[in-house]
């Protein structure tokens, strides 16, 4: 039994590879298969274009995350307020 090189991938796999590529987690062959898929699938081309645009916007943003201590404090305050609301 010989193994055939499967080049075509379904859209679900193409979107997964697109997402993995965004974070530099896709393999060389995944990228090749993905690019071949994009040649004939307009929906996936649109998805990849939107995904790249979103990644670019996020990378350019100056959003800062809350540190762990403040997150924990906020979580505790929220849980306290939630408990008080449930008893009233």
PDB file of N, CA and C in Angstrom:
ATOM      1  N   UNK A   1       0.851  -1.168   0.000  1.00  0.00           N
ATOM      2  CA  UNK A   1       0.000   0.000   0.000  1.00  0.00           C
ATOM      3  C   UNK A   1       0.901   1.237   0.000  1.00  0.00           C
ATOM      4  N   UNK A   2       0.710   2.107  -0.934  1.00  0.00           N
ATOM      5  CA  UNK A   2       1.539   3.314  -0.992  1.00  0.00           C
ATOM      6  C   UNK A   2       0.800   4.482  -0.361  1.00  0.00           C
ATOM      7  N   UNK A   3       1.578   5.363   0.230  1.00  0.00           N
ATOM      8  CA  UNK A   3       0.992   6.559   0.822  1.00  0.00           C
ATOM      9  C   UNK A   3       0.982   7.659  -0.227  1.00  0.00           C
ATOM     10  N   UNK A   4      -0.160   8.269  -0.402  1.00  0.00           N
ATOM     11  CA  UNK A   4      -0.269   9.379  -1.341  1.00  0.00           C
ATOM     12  C   UNK A   4      -0.149  10.684  -0.586  1.00  0.00           C
ATOM     13  N   UNK A   5       0.469  11.643  -1.209  1.00  0.00           N
ATOM     14  CA  UNK A   5       0.606  12.960  -0.608  1.00  0.00           C
ATOM     15  C   UNK A   5      -0.727  13.686  -0.750  1.00  0.00           C
ATOM     16  N   UNK A   6      -1.368  13.933   0.367  1.00  0.00           N
ATOM     17  CA  UNK A   6      -2.660  14.611   0.354  1.00  0.00           C
ATOM     18  C   UNK A   6      -2.414  16.107   0.466  1.00  0.00           C
ATOM     19  N   UNK A   7      -2.770  16.831  -0.569  1.00  0.00           N
ATOM     20  CA  UNK A   7      -2.507  18.269  -0.596  1.00  0.00           C
ATOM     21  C   UNK A   7      -3.743  19.072  -0.221  1.00  0.00           C
ATOM     22  N   UNK A   8      -4.905  18.678  -0.701  1.00  0.00           N
ATOM     23  CA  UNK A   8      -6.128  19.416  -0.422  1.00  0.00           C
ATOM     24  C   UNK A   8      -6.556  19.272   1.025  1.00  0.00           C
ATOM     25  N   UNK A   9      -7.018  20.368   1.615  1.00  0.00           N
ATOM     26  CA  UNK A   9      -7.510  20.336   2.990  1.00  0.00           C
ATOM     27  C   UNK A   9      -8.895  20.976   3.028  1.00  0.00           C
ATOM     28  N   UNK A  10      -9.741  20.551   3.961  1.00  0.00           N
ATOM     29  CA  UNK A  10     -11.069  21.172   4.088  1.00  0.00           C
ATOM     30  C   UNK A  10     -10.960  22.560   4.725  1.00  0.00           C
ATOM     31  N   UNK A  11     -11.992  23.342   4.581  1.00  0.00           N
ATOM     32  CA  UNK A  11     -12.012  24.711   5.119  1.00  0.00           C
ATOM     33  C   UNK A  11     -11.785  24.739   6.627  1.00  0.00           C
ATOM     34  N   UNK A  12     -12.329  23.765   7.339  1.00  0.00           N
ATOM     35  CA  UNK A  12     -12.153  23.747   8.805  1.00  0.00           C
ATOM     36  C   UNK A  12     -10.678  23.629   9.172  1.00  0.00           C
ATOM     37  N   UNK A  13      -9.942  22.805   8.441  1.00  0.00           N
ATOM     38  CA  UNK A  13      -8.506  22.665   8.706  1.00  0.00           C
ATOM     39  C   UNK A  13      -7.756  23.917   8.250  1.00  0.00           C
ATOM     40  N   UNK A  14      -8.200  24.519   7.152  1.00  0.00           N
ATOM     41  CA  UNK A  14      -7.554  25.740   6.657  1.00  0.00           C
ATOM     42  C   UNK A  14      -7.682  26.874   7.664  1.00  0.00           C
ATOM     43  N   UNK A  15      -8.830  27.006   8.286  1.00  0.00           N
ATOM     44  CA  UNK A  15      -9.004  28.073   9.273  1.00  0.00           C
ATOM     45  C   UNK A  15      -8.145  27.806  10.510  1.00  0.00           C
ATOM     46  N   UNK A  16      -8.009  26.533  10.884  1.00  0.00           N
ATOM     47  CA  UNK A  16      -7.156  26.176  12.008  1.00  0.00           C
ATOM     48  C   UNK A  16      -5.694  26.522  11.709  1.00  0.00           C
ATOM     49  N   UNK A  17      -5.232  26.178  10.512  1.00  0.00           N
ATOM     50  CA  UNK A  17      -3.852  26.487  10.121  1.00  0.00           C
ATOM     51  C   UNK A  17      -3.649  27.999  10.048  1.00  0.00           C
ATOM     52  N   UNK A  18      -4.652  28.712   9.581  1.00  0.00           N
ATOM     53  CA  UNK A  18      -4.582  30.178   9.531  1.00  0.00           C
ATOM     54  C   UNK A  18      -4.368  30.737  10.936  1.00  0.00           C
ATOM     55  N   UNK A  19      -5.129  30.231  11.897  1.00  0.00           N
ATOM     56  CA  UNK A  19      -4.988  30.680  13.284  1.00  0.00           C
ATOM     57  C   UNK A  19      -3.626  30.301  13.856  1.00  0.00           C
ATOM     58  N   UNK A  20      -3.166  29.069  13.567  1.00  0.00           N
ATOM     59  CA  UNK A  20      -1.861  28.638  14.053  1.00  0.00           C
ATOM     60  C   UNK A  20      -0.743  29.485  13.443  1.00  0.00           C
ATOM     61  N   UNK A  21      -0.872  29.826  12.181  1.00  0.00           N
ATOM     62  CA  UNK A  21       0.138  30.648  11.505  1.00  0.00           C
ATOM     63  C   UNK A  21       0.249  32.014  12.150  1.00  0.00           C
ATOM     64  N   UNK A  22      -0.866  32.525  12.592  1.00  0.00           N
ATOM     65  CA  UNK A  22      -0.900  33.830  13.242  1.00  0.00           C
ATOM     66  C   UNK A  22       0.025  33.858  14.452  1.00  0.00           C
ATOM     67  N   UNK A  23       0.150  32.732  15.147  1.00  0.00           N
ATOM     68  CA  UNK A  23       0.986  32.649  16.341  1.00  0.00           C
ATOM     69  C   UNK A  23       2.290  31.898  16.081  1.00  0.00           C
ATOM     70  N   UNK A  24       2.634  31.730  14.807  1.00  0.00           N
ATOM     71  CA  UNK A  24       3.886  31.065  14.399  1.00  0.00           C
ATOM     72  C   UNK A  24       3.954  29.623  14.922  1.00  0.00           C
ATOM     73  N   UNK A  25       2.821  28.928  14.907  1.00  0.00           N
ATOM     74  CA  UNK A  25       2.763  27.557  15.409  1.00  0.00           C
ATOM     75  C   UNK A  25       2.525  26.529  14.312  1.00  0.00           C
ATOM     76  N   UNK A  26       2.383  26.954  13.068  1.00  0.00           N
ATOM     77  CA  UNK A  26       2.101  26.007  11.988  1.00  0.00           C
ATOM     78  C   UNK A  26       3.400  25.513  11.349  1.00  0.00           C
ATOM     79  N   UNK A  27       3.337  24.280  10.868  1.00  0.00           N
ATOM     80  CA  UNK A  27       4.506  23.678  10.231  1.00  0.00           C
ATOM     81  C   UNK A  27       4.614  24.161   8.779  1.00  0.00           C
ATOM     82  N   UNK A  28       5.744  23.876   8.174  1.00  0.00           N
ATOM     83  CA  UNK A  28       5.966  24.254   6.782  1.00  0.00           C
ATOM     84  C   UNK A  28       4.900  23.650   5.873  1.00  0.00           C
ATOM     85  N   UNK A  29       4.618  22.334   6.041  1.00  0.00           N
ATOM     86  CA  UNK A  29       3.641  21.667   5.178  1.00  0.00           C
ATOM     87  C   UNK A  29       2.226  22.176   5.415  1.00  0.00           C
ATOM     88  N   UNK A  30       1.911  22.528   6.632  1.00  0.00           N
ATOM     89  CA  UNK A  30       0.592  23.122   6.892  1.00  0.00           C
ATOM     90  C   UNK A  30       0.452  24.434   6.133  1.00  0.00           C
ATOM     91  N   UNK A  31       1.510  25.235   6.139  1.00  0.00           N
ATOM     92  CA  UNK A  31       1.475  26.506   5.415  1.00  0.00           C
ATOM     93  C   UNK A  31       1.329  26.283   3.919  1.00  0.00           C
ATOM     94  N   UNK A  32       2.042  25.286   3.387  1.00  0.00           N
ATOM     95  CA  UNK A  32       1.951  24.986   1.950  1.00  0.00           C
ATOM     96  C   UNK A  32       0.530  24.577   1.595  1.00  0.00           C
ATOM     97  N   UNK A  33      -0.023  23.636   2.366  1.00  0.00           N
ATOM     98  CA  UNK A  33      -1.391  23.179   2.108  1.00  0.00           C
ATOM     99  C   UNK A  33      -2.393  24.328   2.241  1.00  0.00           C
ATOM    100  N   UNK A  34      -2.183  25.168   3.244  1.00  0.00           N
ATOM    101  CA  UNK A  34      -3.072  26.310   3.465  1.00  0.00           C
ATOM    102  C   UNK A  34      -3.029  27.269   2.274  1.00  0.00           C
ATOM    103  N   UNK A  35      -1.828  27.582   1.804  1.00  0.00           N
ATOM    104  CA  UNK A  35      -1.706  28.494   0.664  1.00  0.00           C
ATOM    105  C   UNK A  35      -2.326  27.910  -0.595  1.00  0.00           C
ATOM    106  N   UNK A  36      -2.188  26.611  -0.813  1.00  0.00           N
ATOM    107  CA  UNK A  36      -2.846  25.979  -1.961  1.00  0.00           C
ATOM    108  C   UNK A  36      -4.362  26.053  -1.819  1.00  0.00           C
ATOM    109  N   UNK A  37      -4.841  25.845  -0.614  1.00  0.00           N
ATOM    110  CA  UNK A  37      -6.286  25.927  -0.363  1.00  0.00           C
ATOM    111  C   UNK A  37      -6.800  27.343  -0.663  1.00  0.00           C
ATOM    112  N   UNK A  38      -6.015  28.344  -0.287  1.00  0.00           N
ATOM    113  CA  UNK A  38      -6.430  29.734  -0.504  1.00  0.00           C
ATOM    114  C   UNK A  38      -6.536  30.083  -1.984  1.00  0.00           C
ATOM    115  N   UNK A  39      -5.831  29.339  -2.840  1.00  0.00           N
ATOM    116  CA  UNK A  39      -5.899  29.599  -4.280  1.00  0.00           C
ATOM    117  C   UNK A  39      -7.306  29.391  -4.836  1.00  0.00           C
ATOM    118  N   UNK A  40      -8.050  28.443  -4.269  1.00  0.00           N
ATOM    119  CA  UNK A  40      -9.368  28.137  -4.821  1.00  0.00           C
ATOM    120  C   UNK A  40     -10.529  28.415  -3.866  1.00  0.00           C
ATOM    121  N   UNK A  41     -10.279  28.896  -2.675  1.00  0.00           N
ATOM    122  CA  UNK A  41     -11.373  29.111  -1.720  1.00  0.00           C
ATOM    123  C   UNK A  41     -11.456  30.580  -1.294  1.00  0.00           C
ATOM    124  N   UNK A  42     -12.436  31.282  -1.836  1.00  0.00           N
ATOM    125  CA  UNK A  42     -12.599  32.700  -1.533  1.00  0.00           C
ATOM    126  C   UNK A  42     -12.987  32.934  -0.076  1.00  0.00           C
ATOM    127  N   UNK A  43     -13.812  32.072   0.473  1.00  0.00           N
ATOM    128  CA  UNK A  43     -14.243  32.235   1.876  1.00  0.00           C
ATOM    129  C   UNK A  43     -13.039  32.186   2.817  1.00  0.00           C
ATOM    130  N   UNK A  44     -12.132  31.264   2.571  1.00  0.00           N
ATOM    131  CA  UNK A  44     -10.949  31.158   3.432  1.00  0.00           C
ATOM    132  C   UNK A  44      -9.970  32.308   3.178  1.00  0.00           C
ATOM    133  N   UNK A  45      -9.911  32.786   1.947  1.00  0.00           N
ATOM    134  CA  UNK A  45      -9.079  33.972   1.676  1.00  0.00           C
ATOM    135  C   UNK A  45      -9.597  35.164   2.455  1.00  0.00           C
ATOM    136  N   UNK A  46     -10.912  35.335   2.464  1.00  0.00           N
ATOM    137  CA  UNK A  46     -11.518  36.433   3.227  1.00  0.00           C
ATOM    138  C   UNK A  46     -11.253  36.272   4.719  1.00  0.00           C
ATOM    139  N   UNK A  47     -11.358  35.031   5.218  1.00  0.00           N
ATOM    140  CA  UNK A  47     -11.098  34.759   6.641  1.00  0.00           C
ATOM    141  C   UNK A  47      -9.649  35.107   6.977  1.00  0.00           C
ATOM    142  N   UNK A  48      -8.719  34.673   6.132  1.00  0.00           N
ATOM    143  CA  UNK A  48      -7.297  34.937   6.375  1.00  0.00           C
ATOM    144  C   UNK A  48      -7.004  36.434   6.347  1.00  0.00           C
ATOM    145  N   UNK A  49      -7.639  37.139   5.415  1.00  0.00           N
ATOM    146  CA  UNK A  49      -7.439  38.587   5.305  1.00  0.00           C
ATOM    147  C   UNK A  49      -7.943  39.291   6.575  1.00  0.00           C
ATOM    148  N   UNK A  50      -9.133  38.922   7.022  1.00  0.00           N
ATOM    149  CA  UNK A  50      -9.702  39.508   8.237  1.00  0.00           C
ATOM    150  C   UNK A  50      -8.852  39.157   9.458  1.00  0.00           C
ATOM    151  N   UNK A  51      -8.405  37.912   9.518  1.00  0.00           N
ATOM    152  CA  UNK A  51      -7.582  37.448  10.633  1.00  0.00           C
ATOM    153  C   UNK A  51      -6.266  38.233  10.689  1.00  0.00           C
ATOM    154  N   UNK A  52      -5.639  38.432   9.535  1.00  0.00           N
ATOM    155  CA  UNK A  52      -4.384  39.194   9.484  1.00  0.00           C
ATOM    156  C   UNK A  52      -4.599  40.650   9.882  1.00  0.00           C
ATOM    157  N   UNK A  53      -5.704  41.217   9.441  1.00  0.00           N
ATOM    158  CA  UNK A  53      -6.014  42.612   9.778  1.00  0.00           C
ATOM    159  C   UNK A  53      -6.224  42.758  11.281  1.00  0.00           C
ATOM    160  N   UNK A  54      -6.969  41.843  11.868  1.00  0.00           N
ATOM    161  CA  UNK A  54      -7.215  41.869  13.314  1.00  0.00           C
ATOM    162  C   UNK A  54      -5.910  41.713  14.098  1.00  0.00           C
ATOM    163  N   UNK A  55      -5.064  40.787  13.675  1.00  0.00           N
ATOM    164  CA  UNK A  55      -3.773  40.586  14.341  1.00  0.00           C
ATOM    165  C   UNK A  55      -2.918  41.839  14.274  1.00  0.00           C
ATOM    166  N   UNK A  56      -2.942  42.487  13.132  1.00  0.00           N
ATOM    167  CA  UNK A  56      -2.165  43.713  12.946  1.00  0.00           C
ATOM    168  C   UNK A  56      -2.662  44.828  13.863  1.00  0.00           C
ATOM    169  N   UNK A  57      -3.966  44.984  13.942  1.00  0.00           N
ATOM    170  CA  UNK A  57      -4.556  46.020  14.791  1.00  0.00           C
ATOM    171  C   UNK A  57      -4.225  45.764  16.259  1.00  0.00           C
ATOM    172  N   UNK A  58      -4.324  44.509  16.684  1.00  0.00           N
ATOM    173  CA  UNK A  58      -4.017  44.175  18.075  1.00  0.00           C
ATOM    174  C   UNK A  58      -2.542  44.419  18.370  1.00  0.00           C
ATOM    175  N   UNK A  59      -1.676  44.059  17.433  1.00  0.00           N
ATOM    176  CA  UNK A  59      -0.232  44.253  17.632  1.00  0.00           C
ATOM    177  C   UNK A  59       0.116  45.736  17.740  1.00  0.00           C
ATOM    178  N   UNK A  60      -0.597  46.588  17.015  1.00  0.00           N
ATOM    179  CA  UNK A  60      -0.328  48.023  17.025  1.00  0.00           C
ATOM    180  C   UNK A  60      -0.968  48.735  18.212  1.00  0.00           C
ATOM    181  N   UNK A  61      -1.918  48.087  18.857  1.00  0.00           N
ATOM    182  CA  UNK A  61      -2.623  48.740  19.957  1.00  0.00           C
ATOM    183  C   UNK A  61      -1.703  48.882  21.165  1.00  0.00           C
ATOM    184  N   UNK A  62      -2.065  49.795  22.021  1.00  0.00           N
ATOM    185  CA  UNK A  62      -1.278  50.017  23.228  1.00  0.00           C
ATOM    186  C   UNK A  62      -2.070  49.587  24.454  1.00  0.00           C
ATOM    187  N   UNK A  63      -2.768  48.474  24.297  1.00  0.00           N
ATOM    188  CA  UNK A  63      -3.579  47.935  25.376  1.00  0.00           C
ATOM    189  C   UNK A  63      -2.659  47.279  26.404  1.00  0.00           C
ATOM    190  N   UNK A  64      -2.891  47.613  27.648  1.00  0.00           N
ATOM    191  CA  UNK A  64      -2.121  47.002  28.729  1.00  0.00           C
ATOM    192  C   UNK A  64      -3.060  46.133  29.545  1.00  0.00           C
ATOM    193  N   UNK A  65      -2.551  45.023  29.999  1.00  0.00           N
ATOM    194  CA  UNK A  65      -3.345  44.099  30.814  1.00  0.00           C
ATOM    195  C   UNK A  65      -3.216  44.447  32.287  1.00  0.00           C
ATOM    196  N   UNK A  66      -4.263  44.139  33.019  1.00  0.00           N
ATOM    197  CA  UNK A  66      -4.252  44.355  34.456  1.00  0.00           C
ATOM    198  C   UNK A  66      -3.317  43.328  35.101  1.00  0.00           C
ATOM    199  N   UNK A  67      -2.553  43.741  36.085  1.00  0.00           N
ATOM    200  CA  UNK A  67      -1.644  42.794  36.735  1.00  0.00           C
ATOM    201  C   UNK A  67      -2.441  41.802  37.585  1.00  0.00           C
ATOM    202  N   UNK A  68      -1.767  40.725  37.957  1.00  0.00           N
ATOM    203  CA  UNK A  68      -2.428  39.612  38.638  1.00  0.00           C
ATOM    204  C   UNK A  68      -3.042  40.026  39.975  1.00  0.00           C
ATOM    205  N   UNK A  69      -2.350  40.867  40.721  1.00  0.00           N
ATOM    206  CA  UNK A  69      -2.832  41.300  42.038  1.00  0.00           C
ATOM    207  C   UNK A  69      -4.153  42.073  41.902  1.00  0.00           C
ATOM    208  N   UNK A  70      -4.215  42.996  40.950  1.00  0.00           N
ATOM    209  CA  UNK A  70      -5.435  43.772  40.741  1.00  0.00           C
ATOM    210  C   UNK A  70      -6.575  42.904  40.219  1.00  0.00           C
ATOM    211  N   UNK A  71      -6.250  41.935  39.375  1.00  0.00           N
ATOM    212  CA  UNK A  71      -7.284  41.021  38.874  1.00  0.00           C
ATOM    213  C   UNK A  71      -7.905  40.244  40.025  1.00  0.00           C
ATOM    214  N   UNK A  72      -7.050  39.749  40.910  1.00  0.00           N
ATOM    215  CA  UNK A  72      -7.535  38.971  42.058  1.00  0.00           C
ATOM    216  C   UNK A  72      -8.392  39.833  42.974  1.00  0.00           C
ATOM    217  N   UNK A  73      -7.989  41.073  43.207  1.00  0.00           N
ATOM    218  CA  UNK A  73      -8.742  42.001  44.040  1.00  0.00           C
ATOM    219  C   UNK A  73     -10.118  42.276  43.417  1.00  0.00           C
ATOM    220  N   UNK A  74     -10.141  42.522  42.118  1.00  0.00           N
ATOM    221  CA  UNK A  74     -11.394  42.780  41.408  1.00  0.00           C
ATOM    222  C   UNK A  74     -12.312  41.559  41.474  1.00  0.00           C
ATOM    223  N   UNK A  75     -11.722  40.383  41.310  1.00  0.00           N
ATOM    224  CA  UNK A  75     -12.498  39.140  41.372  1.00  0.00           C
ATOM    225  C   UNK A  75     -13.123  38.967  42.756  1.00  0.00           C
ATOM    226  N   UNK A  76     -12.341  39.234  43.796  1.00  0.00           N
ATOM    227  CA  UNK A  76     -12.856  39.111  45.163  1.00  0.00           C
ATOM    228  C   UNK A  76     -13.980  40.104  45.431  1.00  0.00           C
ATOM    229  N   UNK A  77     -13.819  41.334  44.973  1.00  0.00           N
ATOM    230  CA  UNK A  77     -14.870  42.343  45.142  1.00  0.00           C
ATOM    231  C   UNK A  77     -16.137  41.945  44.392  1.00  0.00           C
ATOM    232  N   UNK A  78     -15.973  41.415  43.208  1.00  0.00           N
ATOM    233  CA  UNK A  78     -17.120  40.974  42.413  1.00  0.00           C
ATOM    234  C   UNK A  78     -17.862  39.844  43.123  1.00  0.00           C
ATOM    235  N   UNK A  79     -17.106  38.849  43.591  1.00  0.00           N
ATOM    236  CA  UNK A  79     -17.736  37.729  44.294  1.00  0.00           C
ATOM    237  C   UNK A  79     -18.445  38.185  45.568  1.00  0.00           C
ATOM    238  N   UNK A  80     -17.856  39.130  46.288  1.00  0.00           N
ATOM    239  CA  UNK A  80     -18.474  39.669  47.497  1.00  0.00           C
ATOM    240  C   UNK A  80     -19.792  40.366  47.143  1.00  0.00           C
ATOM    241  N   UNK A  81     -19.783  41.204  46.113  1.00  0.00           N
ATOM    242  CA  UNK A  81     -20.982  41.915  45.683  1.00  0.00           C
ATOM    243  C   UNK A  81     -22.046  40.931  45.198  1.00  0.00           C
ATOM    244  N   UNK A  82     -21.628  39.873  44.545  1.00  0.00           N
ATOM    245  CA  UNK A  82     -22.557  38.878  44.049  1.00  0.00           C
ATOM    246  C   UNK A  82     -23.243  38.144  45.199  1.00  0.00           C
ATOM    247  N   UNK A  83     -22.466  37.800  46.229  1.00  0.00           N
ATOM    248  CA  UNK A  83     -23.036  37.133  47.403  1.00  0.00           C
ATOM    249  C   UNK A  83     -24.034  38.033  48.121  1.00  0.00           C
ATOM    250  N   UNK A  84     -23.670  39.327  48.247  1.00  0.00           N
ATOM    251  CA  UNK A  84     -24.577  40.281  48.908  1.00  0.00           C
ATOM    252  C   UNK A  84     -25.868  40.421  48.111  1.00  0.00           C
ATOM    253  N   UNK A  85     -25.785  40.430  46.801  1.00  0.00           N
ATOM    254  CA  UNK A  85     -26.970  40.564  45.951  1.00  0.00           C
ATOM    255  C   UNK A  85     -27.863  39.342  46.057  1.00  0.00           C
ATOM    256  N   UNK A  86     -27.272  38.178  46.177  1.00  0.00           N
ATOM    257  CA  UNK A  86     -28.062  36.940  46.272  1.00  0.00           C
ATOM    258  C   UNK A  86     -28.819  36.838  47.580  1.00  0.00           C
ATOM    259  N   UNK A  87     -28.309  37.447  48.651  1.00  0.00           N
ATOM    260  CA  UNK A  87     -28.992  37.369  49.944  1.00  0.00           C
ATOM    261  C   UNK A  87     -30.045  38.440  50.112  1.00  0.00           C
ATOM    262  N   UNK A  88     -30.085  39.449  49.264  1.00  0.00           N
ATOM    263  CA  UNK A  88     -31.078  40.534  49.391  1.00  0.00           C
ATOM    264  C   UNK A  88     -32.286  40.287  48.560  1.00  0.00           C
TER     265      UNK A  88
END
